[in-house]
Amino acid sequence: MAIVSLIFGSIIGFFAAVFGWAVLDFSLLPACGLYFATSLCLASVLIAGNMIREMTKFDTNGPQIPAELARGRG
């Protein structure tokens, strides 16, 4: 899922950079910075959300924490 988040972040970052370059009249360097910032931040948010969801899977008994984290090895 992390790979999908990185690809999705890169696609959104690309469109943000093209929009900034073509419409907002950014030069090439700020457009590249916008691409990197958008892609990395969006990918980080999606990966963190996925990690939180995986760590706290709900069962009928409530949230279940993986055994490795419960023992302090995570």
PDB file of N, CA and C in Angstrom:
ATOM      1  N   MET A   1       0.813  -1.188   0.000  1.00  0.00           N
ATOM      2  CA  MET A   1       0.000   0.000   0.000  1.00  0.00           C
ATOM      3  C   MET A   1       0.864   1.262   0.000  1.00  0.00           C
ATOM      4  N   ALA A   2       2.062   1.163   0.528  1.00  0.00           N
ATOM      5  CA  ALA A   2       2.951   2.333   0.546  1.00  0.00           C
ATOM      6  C   ALA A   2       3.361   2.727  -0.869  1.00  0.00           C
ATOM      7  N   ILE A   3       3.556   1.739  -1.737  1.00  0.00           N
ATOM      8  CA  ILE A   3       3.930   2.040  -3.124  1.00  0.00           C
ATOM      9  C   ILE A   3       2.797   2.788  -3.813  1.00  0.00           C
ATOM     10  N   VAL A   4       1.574   2.349  -3.589  1.00  0.00           N
ATOM     11  CA  VAL A   4       0.418   3.015  -4.190  1.00  0.00           C
ATOM     12  C   VAL A   4       0.314   4.445  -3.677  1.00  0.00           C
ATOM     13  N   SER A   5       0.585   4.656  -2.396  1.00  0.00           N
ATOM     14  CA  SER A   5       0.541   6.007  -1.831  1.00  0.00           C
ATOM     15  C   SER A   5       1.606   6.899  -2.452  1.00  0.00           C
ATOM     16  N   LEU A   6       2.801   6.366  -2.667  1.00  0.00           N
ATOM     17  CA  LEU A   6       3.859   7.157  -3.294  1.00  0.00           C
ATOM     18  C   LEU A   6       3.517   7.510  -4.737  1.00  0.00           C
ATOM     19  N   ILE A   7       2.952   6.550  -5.471  1.00  0.00           N
ATOM     20  CA  ILE A   7       2.571   6.823  -6.858  1.00  0.00           C
ATOM     21  C   ILE A   7       1.439   7.839  -6.903  1.00  0.00           C
ATOM     22  N   PHE A   8       0.435   7.680  -6.044  1.00  0.00           N
ATOM     23  CA  PHE A   8      -0.676   8.625  -6.009  1.00  0.00           C
ATOM     24  C   PHE A   8      -0.189  10.020  -5.625  1.00  0.00           C
ATOM     25  N   GLY A   9       0.704  10.097  -4.646  1.00  0.00           N
ATOM     26  CA  GLY A   9       1.268  11.382  -4.257  1.00  0.00           C
ATOM     27  C   GLY A   9       2.063  12.029  -5.378  1.00  0.00           C
ATOM     28  N   SER A  10       2.781  11.215  -6.142  1.00  0.00           N
ATOM     29  CA  SER A  10       3.544  11.747  -7.271  1.00  0.00           C
ATOM     30  C   SER A  10       2.631  12.277  -8.367  1.00  0.00           C
ATOM     31  N   ILE A  11       1.538  11.590  -8.617  1.00  0.00           N
ATOM     32  CA  ILE A  11       0.596  12.046  -9.646  1.00  0.00           C
ATOM     33  C   ILE A  11      -0.032  13.374  -9.234  1.00  0.00           C
ATOM     34  N   ILE A  12      -0.497  13.462  -7.991  1.00  0.00           N
ATOM     35  CA  ILE A  12      -1.094  14.713  -7.513  1.00  0.00           C
ATOM     36  C   ILE A  12      -0.044  15.828  -7.485  1.00  0.00           C
ATOM     37  N   GLY A  13       1.177  15.504  -7.076  1.00  0.00           N
ATOM     38  CA  GLY A  13       2.253  16.491  -7.073  1.00  0.00           C
ATOM     39  C   GLY A  13       2.582  16.987  -8.463  1.00  0.00           C
ATOM     40  N   PHE A  14       2.539  16.086  -9.447  1.00  0.00           N
ATOM     41  CA  PHE A  14       2.791  16.486 -10.832  1.00  0.00           C
ATOM     42  C   PHE A  14       1.745  17.486 -11.309  1.00  0.00           C
ATOM     43  N   PHE A  15       0.478  17.187 -11.056  1.00  0.00           N
ATOM     44  CA  PHE A  15      -0.572  18.099 -11.485  1.00  0.00           C
ATOM     45  C   PHE A  15      -0.510  19.432 -10.737  1.00  0.00           C
ATOM     46  N   ALA A  16      -0.121  19.394  -9.475  1.00  0.00           N
ATOM     47  CA  ALA A  16       0.035  20.644  -8.719  1.00  0.00           C
ATOM     48  C   ALA A  16       1.178  21.477  -9.300  1.00  0.00           C
ATOM     49  N   ALA A  17       2.274  20.828  -9.675  1.00  0.00           N
ATOM     50  CA  ALA A  17       3.408  21.548 -10.247  1.00  0.00           C
ATOM     51  C   ALA A  17       3.063  22.124 -11.620  1.00  0.00           C
ATOM     52  N   VAL A  18       2.376  21.356 -12.442  1.00  0.00           N
ATOM     53  CA  VAL A  18       1.981  21.859 -13.758  1.00  0.00           C
ATOM     54  C   VAL A  18       1.010  23.026 -13.610  1.00  0.00           C
ATOM     55  N   PHE A  19       0.079  22.921 -12.668  1.00  0.00           N
ATOM     56  CA  PHE A  19      -0.858  24.014 -12.415  1.00  0.00           C
ATOM     57  C   PHE A  19      -0.112  25.265 -11.946  1.00  0.00           C
ATOM     58  N   GLY A  20       0.815  25.090 -11.029  1.00  0.00           N
ATOM     59  CA  GLY A  20       1.582  26.226 -10.538  1.00  0.00           C
ATOM     60  C   GLY A  20       2.450  26.848 -11.613  1.00  0.00           C
ATOM     61  N   TRP A  21       3.012  26.028 -12.489  1.00  0.00           N
ATOM     62  CA  TRP A  21       3.892  26.522 -13.544  1.00  0.00           C
ATOM     63  C   TRP A  21       3.098  27.213 -14.648  1.00  0.00           C
ATOM     64  N   ALA A  22       1.985  26.587 -15.073  1.00  0.00           N
ATOM     65  CA  ALA A  22       1.235  27.113 -16.206  1.00  0.00           C
ATOM     66  C   ALA A  22       0.260  28.223 -15.807  1.00  0.00           C
ATOM     67  N   VAL A  23      -0.437  28.061 -14.707  1.00  0.00           N
ATOM     68  CA  VAL A  23      -1.491  29.001 -14.353  1.00  0.00           C
ATOM     69  C   VAL A  23      -0.987  30.085 -13.404  1.00  0.00           C
ATOM     70  N   LEU A  24      -0.240  29.698 -12.391  1.00  0.00           N
ATOM     71  CA  LEU A  24       0.208  30.660 -11.384  1.00  0.00           C
ATOM     72  C   LEU A  24       1.553  31.299 -11.722  1.00  0.00           C
ATOM     73  N   ASP A  25       2.118  30.940 -12.862  1.00  0.00           N
ATOM     74  CA  ASP A  25       3.350  31.530 -13.384  1.00  0.00           C
ATOM     75  C   ASP A  25       4.551  31.305 -12.462  1.00  0.00           C
ATOM     76  N   PHE A  26       4.676  30.101 -11.904  1.00  0.00           N
ATOM     77  CA  PHE A  26       5.868  29.735 -11.147  1.00  0.00           C
ATOM     78  C   PHE A  26       7.005  29.502 -12.130  1.00  0.00           C
ATOM     79  N   SER A  27       8.223  29.737 -11.682  1.00  0.00           N
ATOM     80  CA  SER A  27       9.365  29.340 -12.498  1.00  0.00           C
ATOM     81  C   SER A  27       9.589  27.834 -12.293  1.00  0.00           C
ATOM     82  N   LEU A  28      10.577  27.299 -12.976  1.00  0.00           N
ATOM     83  CA  LEU A  28      10.771  25.848 -12.945  1.00  0.00           C
ATOM     84  C   LEU A  28      11.176  25.339 -11.560  1.00  0.00           C
ATOM     85  N   LEU A  29      12.049  26.049 -10.878  1.00  0.00           N
ATOM     86  CA  LEU A  29      12.518  25.585  -9.566  1.00  0.00           C
ATOM     87  C   LEU A  29      11.413  25.572  -8.505  1.00  0.00           C
ATOM     88  N   PRO A  30      10.614  26.627  -8.355  1.00  0.00           N
ATOM     89  CA  PRO A  30       9.501  26.535  -7.402  1.00  0.00           C
ATOM     90  C   PRO A  30       8.454  25.496  -7.788  1.00  0.00           C
ATOM     91  N   ALA A  31       8.257  25.279  -9.086  1.00  0.00           N
ATOM     92  CA  ALA A  31       7.312  24.241  -9.511  1.00  0.00           C
ATOM     93  C   ALA A  31       7.823  22.859  -9.119  1.00  0.00           C
ATOM     94  N   CYS A  32       9.125  22.639  -9.258  1.00  0.00           N
ATOM     95  CA  CYS A  32       9.701  21.357  -8.824  1.00  0.00           C
ATOM     96  C   CYS A  32       9.607  21.202  -7.309  1.00  0.00           C
ATOM     97  N   GLY A  33       9.838  22.282  -6.592  1.00  0.00           N
ATOM     98  CA  GLY A  33       9.687  22.246  -5.132  1.00  0.00           C
ATOM     99  C   GLY A  33       8.258  21.940  -4.719  1.00  0.00           C
ATOM    100  N   LEU A  34       7.302  22.516  -5.440  1.00  0.00           N
ATOM    101  CA  LEU A  34       5.894  22.223  -5.165  1.00  0.00           C
ATOM    102  C   LEU A  34       5.583  20.762  -5.441  1.00  0.00           C
ATOM    103  N   TYR A  35       6.169  20.230  -6.520  1.00  0.00           N
ATOM    104  CA  TYR A  35       5.980  18.810  -6.839  1.00  0.00           C
ATOM    105  C   TYR A  35       6.500  17.932  -5.704  1.00  0.00           C
ATOM    106  N   PHE A  36       7.731  18.165  -5.283  1.00  0.00           N
ATOM    107  CA  PHE A  36       8.319  17.335  -4.233  1.00  0.00           C
ATOM    108  C   PHE A  36       7.562  17.477  -2.915  1.00  0.00           C
ATOM    109  N   ALA A  37       7.227  18.705  -2.552  1.00  0.00           N
ATOM    110  CA  ALA A  37       6.525  18.921  -1.288  1.00  0.00           C
ATOM    111  C   ALA A  37       5.150  18.257  -1.296  1.00  0.00           C
ATOM    112  N   THR A  38       4.409  18.444  -2.374  1.00  0.00           N
ATOM    113  CA  THR A  38       3.073  17.864  -2.456  1.00  0.00           C
ATOM    114  C   THR A  38       3.129  16.348  -2.479  1.00  0.00           C
ATOM    115  N   SER A  39       4.010  15.797  -3.299  1.00  0.00           N
ATOM    116  CA  SER A  39       4.052  14.342  -3.422  1.00  0.00           C
ATOM    117  C   SER A  39       4.509  13.670  -2.130  1.00  0.00           C
ATOM    118  N   LEU A  40       5.536  14.206  -1.498  1.00  0.00           N
ATOM    119  CA  LEU A  40       6.033  13.576  -0.272  1.00  0.00           C
ATOM    120  C   LEU A  40       5.079  13.751   0.900  1.00  0.00           C
ATOM    121  N   CYS A  41       4.474  14.932   1.021  1.00  0.00           N
ATOM    122  CA  CYS A  41       3.535  15.156   2.132  1.00  0.00           C
ATOM    123  C   CYS A  41       2.277  14.303   1.972  1.00  0.00           C
ATOM    124  N   LEU A  42       1.728  14.256   0.776  1.00  0.00           N
ATOM    125  CA  LEU A  42       0.529  13.456   0.561  1.00  0.00           C
ATOM    126  C   LEU A  42       0.821  11.970   0.764  1.00  0.00           C
ATOM    127  N   ALA A  43       1.953  11.509   0.254  1.00  0.00           N
ATOM    128  CA  ALA A  43       2.312  10.098   0.446  1.00  0.00           C
ATOM    129  C   ALA A  43       2.524   9.788   1.930  1.00  0.00           C
ATOM    130  N   SER A  44       3.152  10.698   2.665  1.00  0.00           N
ATOM    131  CA  SER A  44       3.372  10.483   4.102  1.00  0.00           C
ATOM    132  C   SER A  44       2.058  10.410   4.870  1.00  0.00           C
ATOM    133  N   VAL A  45       1.117  11.280   4.526  1.00  0.00           N
ATOM    134  CA  VAL A  45      -0.183  11.266   5.201  1.00  0.00           C
ATOM    135  C   VAL A  45      -0.918   9.964   4.905  1.00  0.00           C
ATOM    136  N   LEU A  46      -0.891   9.520   3.651  1.00  0.00           N
ATOM    137  CA  LEU A  46      -1.581   8.280   3.305  1.00  0.00           C
ATOM    138  C   LEU A  46      -0.930   7.060   3.958  1.00  0.00           C
ATOM    139  N   ILE A  47       0.384   7.036   4.008  1.00  0.00           N
ATOM    140  CA  ILE A  47       1.087   5.918   4.643  1.00  0.00           C
ATOM    141  C   ILE A  47       0.822   5.906   6.141  1.00  0.00           C
ATOM    142  N   ALA A  48       0.847   7.085   6.781  1.00  0.00           N
ATOM    143  CA  ALA A  48       0.568   7.152   8.224  1.00  0.00           C
ATOM    144  C   ALA A  48      -0.860   6.710   8.522  1.00  0.00           C
ATOM    145  N   GLY A  49      -1.806   7.125   7.697  1.00  0.00           N
ATOM    146  CA  GLY A  49      -3.187   6.687   7.895  1.00  0.00           C
ATOM    147  C   GLY A  49      -3.343   5.192   7.753  1.00  0.00           C
ATOM    148  N   ASN A  50      -2.630   4.614   6.796  1.00  0.00           N
ATOM    149  CA  ASN A  50      -2.692   3.170   6.614  1.00  0.00           C
ATOM    150  C   ASN A  50      -2.046   2.441   7.793  1.00  0.00           C
ATOM    151  N   MET A  51      -0.951   2.983   8.311  1.00  0.00           N
ATOM    152  CA  MET A  51      -0.302   2.351   9.461  1.00  0.00           C
ATOM    153  C   MET A  51      -1.201   2.392  10.687  1.00  0.00           C
ATOM    154  N   ILE A  52      -1.864   3.507  10.907  1.00  0.00           N
ATOM    155  CA  ILE A  52      -2.768   3.610  12.054  1.00  0.00           C
ATOM    156  C   ILE A  52      -3.924   2.638  11.907  1.00  0.00           C
ATOM    157  N   ARG A  53      -4.468   2.533  10.685  1.00  0.00           N
ATOM    158  CA  ARG A  53      -5.579   1.615  10.467  1.00  0.00           C
ATOM    159  C   ARG A  53      -5.148   0.163  10.671  1.00  0.00           C
ATOM    160  N   GLU A  54      -3.945  -0.184  10.233  1.00  0.00           N
ATOM    161  CA  GLU A  54      -3.466  -1.555  10.402  1.00  0.00           C
ATOM    162  C   GLU A  54      -3.151  -1.875  11.857  1.00  0.00           C
ATOM    163  N   MET A  55      -2.694  -0.876  12.607  1.00  0.00           N
ATOM    164  CA  MET A  55      -2.346  -1.124  14.002  1.00  0.00           C
ATOM    165  C   MET A  55      -3.568  -1.286  14.887  1.00  0.00           C
ATOM    166  N   THR A  56      -4.653  -0.671  14.540  1.00  0.00           N
ATOM    167  CA  THR A  56      -5.841  -0.718  15.386  1.00  0.00           C
ATOM    168  C   THR A  56      -6.998  -1.353  14.633  1.00  0.00           C
ATOM    169  N   LYS A  57      -6.816  -2.597  14.221  1.00  0.00           N
ATOM    170  CA  LYS A  57      -7.908  -3.315  13.565  1.00  0.00           C
ATOM    171  C   LYS A  57      -8.966  -3.656  14.597  1.00  0.00           C
ATOM    172  N   PHE A  58     -10.203  -3.392  14.239  1.00  0.00           N
ATOM    173  CA  PHE A  58     -11.288  -3.635  15.171  1.00  0.00           C
ATOM    174  C   PHE A  58     -11.844  -5.033  14.985  1.00  0.00           C
ATOM    175  N   ASP A  59     -12.109  -5.652  16.086  1.00  0.00           N
ATOM    176  CA  ASP A  59     -12.722  -6.974  16.137  1.00  0.00           C
ATOM    177  C   ASP A  59     -13.964  -6.838  17.013  1.00  0.00           C
ATOM    178  N   THR A  60     -14.647  -7.922  17.251  1.00  0.00           N
ATOM    179  CA  THR A  60     -15.823  -7.846  18.115  1.00  0.00           C
ATOM    180  C   THR A  60     -15.436  -7.543  19.557  1.00  0.00           C
ATOM    181  N   ASN A  61     -14.178  -7.770  19.909  1.00  0.00           N
ATOM    182  CA  ASN A  61     -13.713  -7.518  21.270  1.00  0.00           C
ATOM    183  C   ASN A  61     -13.066  -6.139  21.430  1.00  0.00           C
ATOM    184  N   GLY A  62     -13.117  -5.296  20.414  1.00  0.00           N
ATOM    185  CA  GLY A  62     -12.499  -3.979  20.475  1.00  0.00           C
ATOM    186  C   GLY A  62     -11.228  -3.943  19.664  1.00  0.00           C
ATOM    187  N   PRO A  63     -10.460  -2.871  19.785  1.00  0.00           N
ATOM    188  CA  PRO A  63      -9.236  -2.762  18.987  1.00  0.00           C
ATOM    189  C   PRO A  63      -8.203  -3.796  19.417  1.00  0.00           C
ATOM    190  N   GLN A  64      -7.539  -4.374  18.431  1.00  0.00           N
ATOM    191  CA  GLN A  64      -6.517  -5.380  18.687  1.00  0.00           C
ATOM    192  C   GLN A  64      -5.160  -4.819  18.299  1.00  0.00           C
ATOM    193  N   ILE A  65      -4.231  -4.797  19.238  1.00  0.00           N
ATOM    194  CA  ILE A  65      -2.880  -4.324  18.982  1.00  0.00           C
ATOM    195  C   ILE A  65      -2.022  -5.548  18.663  1.00  0.00           C
ATOM    196  N   PRO A  66      -1.188  -5.467  17.597  1.00  0.00           N
ATOM    197  CA  PRO A  66      -0.347  -6.617  17.260  1.00  0.00           C
ATOM    198  C   PRO A  66       0.528  -7.048  18.432  1.00  0.00           C
ATOM    199  N   ALA A  67       0.814  -8.348  18.500  1.00  0.00           N
ATOM    200  CA  ALA A  67       1.544  -8.917  19.620  1.00  0.00           C
ATOM    201  C   ALA A  67       2.955  -8.322  19.747  1.00  0.00           C
ATOM    202  N   GLU A  68       3.595  -7.999  18.606  1.00  0.00           N
ATOM    203  CA  GLU A  68       4.938  -7.442  18.658  1.00  0.00           C
ATOM    204  C   GLU A  68       4.933  -6.097  19.372  1.00  0.00           C
ATOM    205  N   LEU A  69       3.909  -5.290  19.152  1.00  0.00           N
ATOM    206  CA  LEU A  69       3.827  -3.980  19.809  1.00  0.00           C
ATOM    207  C   LEU A  69       3.414  -4.110  21.260  1.00  0.00           C
ATOM    208  N   ALA A  70       2.577  -5.086  21.558  1.00  0.00           N
ATOM    209  CA  ALA A  70       2.132  -5.280  22.932  1.00  0.00           C
ATOM    210  C   ALA A  70       3.286  -5.717  23.824  1.00  0.00           C
ATOM    211  N   ARG A  71       4.249  -6.458  23.261  1.00  0.00           N
ATOM    212  CA  ARG A  71       5.400  -6.902  24.037  1.00  0.00           C
ATOM    213  C   ARG A  71       6.505  -5.867  24.079  1.00  0.00           C
ATOM    214  N   GLY A  72       6.365  -4.768  23.319  1.00  0.00           N
ATOM    215  CA  GLY A  72       7.370  -3.719  23.342  1.00  0.00           C
ATOM    216  C   GLY A  72       8.493  -3.918  22.365  1.00  0.00           C
ATOM    217  N   ARG A  73       8.286  -4.747  21.331  1.00  0.00           N
ATOM    218  CA  ARG A  73       9.334  -4.978  20.349  1.00  0.00           C
ATOM    219  C   ARG A  73       9.073  -4.208  19.050  1.00  0.00           C
ATOM    220  N   GLY A  74       8.087  -3.333  18.996  1.00  0.00           N
ATOM    221  CA  GLY A  74       7.739  -2.629  17.771  1.00  0.00           C
ATOM    222  C   GLY A  74       8.383  -1.318  17.711  1.00  0.00           C
TER     223      GLY A  74
END
